[in-house]
């Protein structure tokens, strides 16, 4: 992952930028995450990448992760839906603008 990412949305955005800089032969992205977080991560990466790449989360890891309770994940997923509202999946420039507007630690993206 990219060192600039501070959260899952940042991971999706910066990974998209890295993949775009490669010659275009990447067809499948393999996300490795905890199983409780995998569907959320897949949604975020789908919003950042659109339908151009397959996103595989089948390598998730079962964890005893009380910090990521089902309730917390549900709240985060609602926040994710609001964040990506009115952004066409795959519109990485719109994702960049939304990150810069929504998160202080990504404000440098608007410069």
N, C-alpha and C. Protein backbone atom coordinates (compact mmCIF):
# COMPACT_ATOMS: atom_id res chain seq x y z
N UNK A 1 0.83 -1.19 0.00
CA UNK A 1 0.00 0.00 0.00
C UNK A 1 0.88 1.26 0.00
N UNK A 2 0.26 2.34 -0.35
CA UNK A 2 0.95 3.61 -0.43
C UNK A 2 1.08 4.25 0.95
N UNK A 3 2.20 4.88 1.23
CA UNK A 3 2.43 5.51 2.52
C UNK A 3 1.56 6.75 2.74
N UNK A 4 0.97 7.30 1.69
CA UNK A 4 0.12 8.48 1.83
C UNK A 4 -1.26 8.16 2.37
N UNK A 5 -1.67 6.92 2.30
CA UNK A 5 -3.02 6.53 2.73
C UNK A 5 -3.12 6.54 4.25
N UNK A 6 -4.20 7.12 4.74
CA UNK A 6 -4.45 7.17 6.18
C UNK A 6 -5.64 6.30 6.58
N UNK A 7 -6.34 5.77 5.60
CA UNK A 7 -7.53 4.97 5.88
C UNK A 7 -7.86 4.15 4.63
N UNK A 8 -8.94 3.41 4.69
CA UNK A 8 -9.30 2.52 3.58
C UNK A 8 -9.63 3.31 2.32
N UNK A 9 -10.30 4.44 2.46
CA UNK A 9 -10.60 5.26 1.28
C UNK A 9 -9.29 5.73 0.63
N UNK A 10 -8.35 6.15 1.45
CA UNK A 10 -7.05 6.54 0.92
C UNK A 10 -6.33 5.38 0.27
N UNK A 11 -6.44 4.19 0.86
CA UNK A 11 -5.83 3.01 0.24
C UNK A 11 -6.40 2.78 -1.15
N UNK A 12 -7.72 2.88 -1.28
CA UNK A 12 -8.35 2.68 -2.59
C UNK A 12 -7.89 3.72 -3.60
N UNK A 13 -7.90 4.98 -3.18
CA UNK A 13 -7.52 6.08 -4.08
C UNK A 13 -6.06 5.96 -4.52
N UNK A 14 -5.14 5.82 -3.56
CA UNK A 14 -3.72 5.79 -3.91
C UNK A 14 -3.34 4.52 -4.66
N UNK A 15 -4.00 3.41 -4.35
CA UNK A 15 -3.76 2.19 -5.11
C UNK A 15 -4.19 2.39 -6.55
N UNK A 16 -5.31 3.06 -6.76
CA UNK A 16 -5.77 3.35 -8.12
C UNK A 16 -4.73 4.17 -8.87
N UNK A 17 -4.18 5.19 -8.22
CA UNK A 17 -3.16 6.01 -8.87
C UNK A 17 -1.92 5.18 -9.23
N UNK A 18 -1.53 4.27 -8.34
CA UNK A 18 -0.37 3.40 -8.62
C UNK A 18 -0.67 2.50 -9.81
N UNK A 19 -1.84 1.88 -9.80
CA UNK A 19 -2.22 0.97 -10.90
C UNK A 19 -2.28 1.74 -12.21
N UNK A 20 -2.81 2.96 -12.18
CA UNK A 20 -2.88 3.77 -13.41
C UNK A 20 -1.49 4.08 -13.97
N UNK A 21 -0.49 4.15 -13.10
CA UNK A 21 0.86 4.48 -13.56
C UNK A 21 1.59 3.27 -14.15
N UNK A 22 1.01 2.08 -13.98
CA UNK A 22 1.59 0.86 -14.53
C UNK A 22 1.03 0.67 -15.94
N UNK A 23 1.60 -0.19 -16.70
CA UNK A 23 1.29 -0.31 -18.13
C UNK A 23 -0.11 -0.80 -18.48
N UNK A 24 -0.97 -1.04 -17.54
CA UNK A 24 -2.35 -1.40 -17.86
C UNK A 24 -2.62 -2.88 -17.98
N UNK A 25 -1.71 -3.71 -17.54
CA UNK A 25 -1.91 -5.15 -17.66
C UNK A 25 -2.52 -5.79 -16.41
N UNK A 26 -2.79 -5.00 -15.39
CA UNK A 26 -3.37 -5.54 -14.16
C UNK A 26 -4.87 -5.71 -14.36
N UNK A 27 -5.34 -6.92 -14.24
CA UNK A 27 -6.77 -7.20 -14.40
C UNK A 27 -7.46 -7.44 -13.07
N UNK A 28 -6.74 -8.03 -12.11
CA UNK A 28 -7.34 -8.39 -10.83
C UNK A 28 -6.53 -7.79 -9.69
N UNK A 29 -7.24 -7.18 -8.75
CA UNK A 29 -6.62 -6.69 -7.53
C UNK A 29 -6.99 -7.66 -6.42
N UNK A 30 -6.01 -8.10 -5.67
CA UNK A 30 -6.23 -9.00 -4.55
C UNK A 30 -6.11 -8.19 -3.26
N UNK A 31 -7.24 -8.01 -2.58
CA UNK A 31 -7.23 -7.28 -1.32
C UNK A 31 -7.12 -8.29 -0.19
N UNK A 32 -6.17 -8.08 0.67
CA UNK A 32 -6.02 -8.92 1.85
C UNK A 32 -6.42 -8.07 3.04
N UNK A 33 -7.41 -8.52 3.76
CA UNK A 33 -7.99 -7.77 4.86
C UNK A 33 -8.60 -8.75 5.84
N UNK A 34 -9.02 -8.24 6.98
CA UNK A 34 -9.79 -9.11 7.87
C UNK A 34 -11.12 -9.39 7.18
N UNK A 35 -11.67 -10.54 7.44
CA UNK A 35 -12.94 -10.92 6.79
C UNK A 35 -14.06 -9.96 7.15
N UNK A 36 -14.07 -9.45 8.38
CA UNK A 36 -15.12 -8.53 8.79
C UNK A 36 -15.02 -7.21 8.02
N UNK A 37 -13.85 -6.87 7.54
CA UNK A 37 -13.62 -5.61 6.83
C UNK A 37 -13.61 -5.78 5.30
N UNK A 38 -13.57 -7.01 4.82
CA UNK A 38 -13.36 -7.27 3.39
C UNK A 38 -14.44 -6.68 2.49
N UNK A 39 -15.70 -6.83 2.84
CA UNK A 39 -16.77 -6.30 1.99
C UNK A 39 -16.71 -4.78 1.90
N UNK A 40 -16.41 -4.14 3.03
CA UNK A 40 -16.28 -2.68 3.02
C UNK A 40 -15.11 -2.26 2.13
N UNK A 41 -13.97 -2.92 2.28
CA UNK A 41 -12.80 -2.59 1.46
C UNK A 41 -13.11 -2.80 -0.02
N UNK A 42 -13.80 -3.88 -0.33
CA UNK A 42 -14.15 -4.16 -1.73
C UNK A 42 -15.04 -3.06 -2.29
N UNK A 43 -16.02 -2.60 -1.51
CA UNK A 43 -16.90 -1.51 -1.95
C UNK A 43 -16.07 -0.25 -2.25
N UNK A 44 -15.18 0.11 -1.35
CA UNK A 44 -14.37 1.32 -1.53
C UNK A 44 -13.48 1.19 -2.77
N UNK A 45 -12.82 0.04 -2.93
CA UNK A 45 -11.97 -0.14 -4.10
C UNK A 45 -12.80 -0.15 -5.38
N UNK A 46 -14.00 -0.71 -5.35
CA UNK A 46 -14.88 -0.69 -6.52
C UNK A 46 -15.23 0.75 -6.88
N UNK A 47 -15.48 1.58 -5.88
CA UNK A 47 -15.79 2.98 -6.15
C UNK A 47 -14.59 3.71 -6.75
N UNK A 48 -13.39 3.36 -6.30
CA UNK A 48 -12.18 4.00 -6.82
C UNK A 48 -11.78 3.48 -8.19
N UNK A 49 -12.06 2.21 -8.48
CA UNK A 49 -11.62 1.59 -9.73
C UNK A 49 -12.71 1.45 -10.77
N UNK A 50 -13.96 1.48 -10.39
CA UNK A 50 -15.03 1.20 -11.35
C UNK A 50 -14.99 -0.27 -11.72
N UNK A 51 -15.45 -0.58 -12.92
CA UNK A 51 -15.54 -1.97 -13.37
C UNK A 51 -14.34 -2.42 -14.19
N UNK A 52 -13.30 -1.61 -14.26
CA UNK A 52 -12.15 -1.93 -15.11
C UNK A 52 -11.30 -3.08 -14.58
N UNK A 53 -11.37 -3.34 -13.28
CA UNK A 53 -10.56 -4.37 -12.66
C UNK A 53 -11.44 -5.27 -11.79
N UNK A 54 -11.07 -6.52 -11.73
CA UNK A 54 -11.72 -7.45 -10.81
C UNK A 54 -11.11 -7.22 -9.43
N UNK A 55 -11.94 -7.21 -8.41
CA UNK A 55 -11.46 -7.02 -7.04
C UNK A 55 -11.78 -8.28 -6.25
N UNK A 56 -10.75 -8.97 -5.82
CA UNK A 56 -10.87 -10.27 -5.17
C UNK A 56 -10.54 -10.13 -3.68
N UNK A 57 -11.51 -10.43 -2.83
CA UNK A 57 -11.29 -10.39 -1.38
C UNK A 57 -11.35 -11.79 -0.77
N UNK A 58 -11.18 -12.80 -1.59
CA UNK A 58 -11.31 -14.17 -1.10
C UNK A 58 -10.17 -14.59 -0.17
N UNK A 59 -9.15 -13.78 -0.07
CA UNK A 59 -8.02 -14.11 0.80
C UNK A 59 -8.12 -13.39 2.14
N UNK A 60 -9.34 -13.12 2.59
CA UNK A 60 -9.51 -12.43 3.86
C UNK A 60 -9.05 -13.33 5.01
N UNK A 61 -8.73 -12.69 6.10
CA UNK A 61 -8.18 -13.38 7.26
C UNK A 61 -9.17 -13.30 8.40
N UNK A 62 -9.53 -14.44 8.95
CA UNK A 62 -10.40 -14.47 10.13
C UNK A 62 -9.62 -13.94 11.32
N UNK A 63 -10.19 -12.98 12.01
CA UNK A 63 -9.54 -12.41 13.19
C UNK A 63 -10.55 -12.31 14.32
N UNK A 64 -10.05 -12.22 15.51
CA UNK A 64 -10.89 -11.93 16.67
C UNK A 64 -10.71 -10.44 16.95
N UNK A 65 -11.33 -9.64 16.13
CA UNK A 65 -11.09 -8.20 16.11
C UNK A 65 -12.28 -7.47 16.72
N UNK A 66 -12.24 -7.27 18.03
CA UNK A 66 -13.33 -6.59 18.70
C UNK A 66 -13.40 -5.11 18.34
N UNK A 67 -12.29 -4.54 17.85
CA UNK A 67 -12.28 -3.13 17.46
C UNK A 67 -13.14 -2.89 16.22
N UNK A 68 -13.37 -3.92 15.43
CA UNK A 68 -14.19 -3.80 14.22
C UNK A 68 -15.47 -4.60 14.37
N UNK A 69 -16.27 -4.21 15.34
CA UNK A 69 -17.54 -4.89 15.57
C UNK A 69 -18.46 -4.68 14.37
N UNK A 70 -19.47 -5.52 14.29
CA UNK A 70 -20.44 -5.41 13.20
C UNK A 70 -21.10 -4.03 13.20
N UNK A 71 -21.35 -3.49 14.38
CA UNK A 71 -21.98 -2.16 14.48
C UNK A 71 -21.05 -1.08 13.93
N UNK A 72 -19.77 -1.17 14.28
CA UNK A 72 -18.81 -0.18 13.79
C UNK A 72 -18.68 -0.27 12.27
N UNK A 73 -18.59 -1.48 11.75
CA UNK A 73 -18.49 -1.66 10.30
C UNK A 73 -19.73 -1.11 9.62
N UNK A 74 -20.91 -1.33 10.20
CA UNK A 74 -22.15 -0.80 9.61
C UNK A 74 -22.11 0.73 9.57
N UNK A 75 -21.63 1.36 10.64
CA UNK A 75 -21.51 2.83 10.64
C UNK A 75 -20.52 3.31 9.59
N UNK A 76 -19.40 2.61 9.49
CA UNK A 76 -18.40 2.99 8.48
C UNK A 76 -18.94 2.82 7.07
N UNK A 77 -19.70 1.75 6.84
CA UNK A 77 -20.25 1.53 5.49
C UNK A 77 -21.24 2.63 5.13
N UNK A 78 -22.04 3.08 6.10
CA UNK A 78 -22.95 4.20 5.84
C UNK A 78 -22.15 5.45 5.50
N UNK A 79 -21.10 5.70 6.24
CA UNK A 79 -20.23 6.84 5.96
C UNK A 79 -19.60 6.72 4.57
N UNK A 80 -19.22 5.52 4.20
CA UNK A 80 -18.64 5.29 2.86
C UNK A 80 -19.65 5.60 1.77
N UNK A 81 -20.89 5.14 1.95
CA UNK A 81 -21.93 5.42 0.95
C UNK A 81 -22.15 6.92 0.80
N UNK A 82 -22.15 7.64 1.92
CA UNK A 82 -22.31 9.09 1.86
C UNK A 82 -21.11 9.74 1.17
N UNK A 83 -19.92 9.26 1.47
CA UNK A 83 -18.70 9.81 0.86
C UNK A 83 -18.74 9.67 -0.65
N UNK A 84 -19.13 8.50 -1.14
CA UNK A 84 -19.10 8.24 -2.59
C UNK A 84 -20.39 8.65 -3.30
N UNK A 85 -21.35 9.19 -2.56
CA UNK A 85 -22.61 9.61 -3.17
C UNK A 85 -22.33 10.62 -4.29
N UNK A 86 -22.97 10.41 -5.41
CA UNK A 86 -22.87 11.26 -6.60
C UNK A 86 -21.48 11.25 -7.23
N UNK A 87 -20.67 10.24 -6.92
CA UNK A 87 -19.40 10.03 -7.62
C UNK A 87 -19.57 8.78 -8.47
N UNK A 88 -19.34 8.91 -9.75
CA UNK A 88 -19.41 7.76 -10.65
C UNK A 88 -18.28 6.80 -10.30
N UNK A 89 -18.59 5.50 -10.09
CA UNK A 89 -17.52 4.55 -9.80
C UNK A 89 -16.41 4.62 -10.85
N UNK A 90 -15.18 4.74 -10.36
CA UNK A 90 -14.03 4.83 -11.25
C UNK A 90 -13.57 6.25 -11.55
N UNK A 91 -14.35 7.26 -11.13
CA UNK A 91 -13.96 8.65 -11.38
C UNK A 91 -12.94 9.08 -10.32
N UNK A 92 -11.70 8.73 -10.55
CA UNK A 92 -10.64 8.92 -9.56
C UNK A 92 -10.40 10.40 -9.27
N UNK A 93 -10.62 11.28 -10.24
CA UNK A 93 -10.46 12.71 -9.99
C UNK A 93 -11.51 13.22 -9.02
N UNK A 94 -12.74 12.72 -9.14
CA UNK A 94 -13.79 13.10 -8.20
C UNK A 94 -13.50 12.55 -6.80
N UNK A 95 -12.96 11.35 -6.74
CA UNK A 95 -12.57 10.78 -5.44
C UNK A 95 -11.48 11.65 -4.81
N UNK A 96 -10.52 12.07 -5.61
CA UNK A 96 -9.45 12.94 -5.10
C UNK A 96 -10.03 14.23 -4.53
N UNK A 97 -10.93 14.87 -5.27
CA UNK A 97 -11.54 16.11 -4.79
C UNK A 97 -12.30 15.88 -3.48
N UNK A 98 -13.06 14.79 -3.41
CA UNK A 98 -13.84 14.50 -2.20
C UNK A 98 -12.92 14.22 -1.02
N UNK A 99 -11.84 13.49 -1.23
CA UNK A 99 -10.87 13.26 -0.15
C UNK A 99 -10.31 14.59 0.35
N UNK A 100 -9.91 15.45 -0.57
CA UNK A 100 -9.33 16.74 -0.20
C UNK A 100 -10.32 17.60 0.57
N UNK A 101 -11.60 17.54 0.19
CA UNK A 101 -12.64 18.33 0.85
C UNK A 101 -13.05 17.75 2.20
N UNK A 102 -13.00 16.43 2.33
CA UNK A 102 -13.60 15.76 3.47
C UNK A 102 -12.65 15.43 4.61
N UNK A 103 -11.37 15.35 4.33
CA UNK A 103 -10.41 14.90 5.34
C UNK A 103 -9.24 15.87 5.41
N UNK A 104 -8.99 16.40 6.61
CA UNK A 104 -7.87 17.33 6.78
C UNK A 104 -6.55 16.72 6.34
N UNK A 105 -6.37 15.43 6.61
CA UNK A 105 -5.08 14.82 6.27
C UNK A 105 -4.92 14.55 4.79
N UNK A 106 -5.94 14.83 4.00
CA UNK A 106 -5.79 14.74 2.54
C UNK A 106 -5.95 16.11 1.86
N UNK A 107 -5.96 17.17 2.64
CA UNK A 107 -6.16 18.50 2.06
C UNK A 107 -5.08 18.86 1.05
N UNK A 108 -3.90 18.29 1.19
CA UNK A 108 -2.80 18.56 0.26
C UNK A 108 -3.12 18.09 -1.16
N UNK A 109 -4.12 17.21 -1.31
CA UNK A 109 -4.50 16.74 -2.65
C UNK A 109 -5.12 17.85 -3.50
N UNK A 110 -5.59 18.92 -2.86
CA UNK A 110 -6.22 20.00 -3.62
C UNK A 110 -5.21 21.03 -4.11
N UNK A 111 -3.97 20.88 -3.70
CA UNK A 111 -2.94 21.86 -4.09
C UNK A 111 -2.44 21.62 -5.49
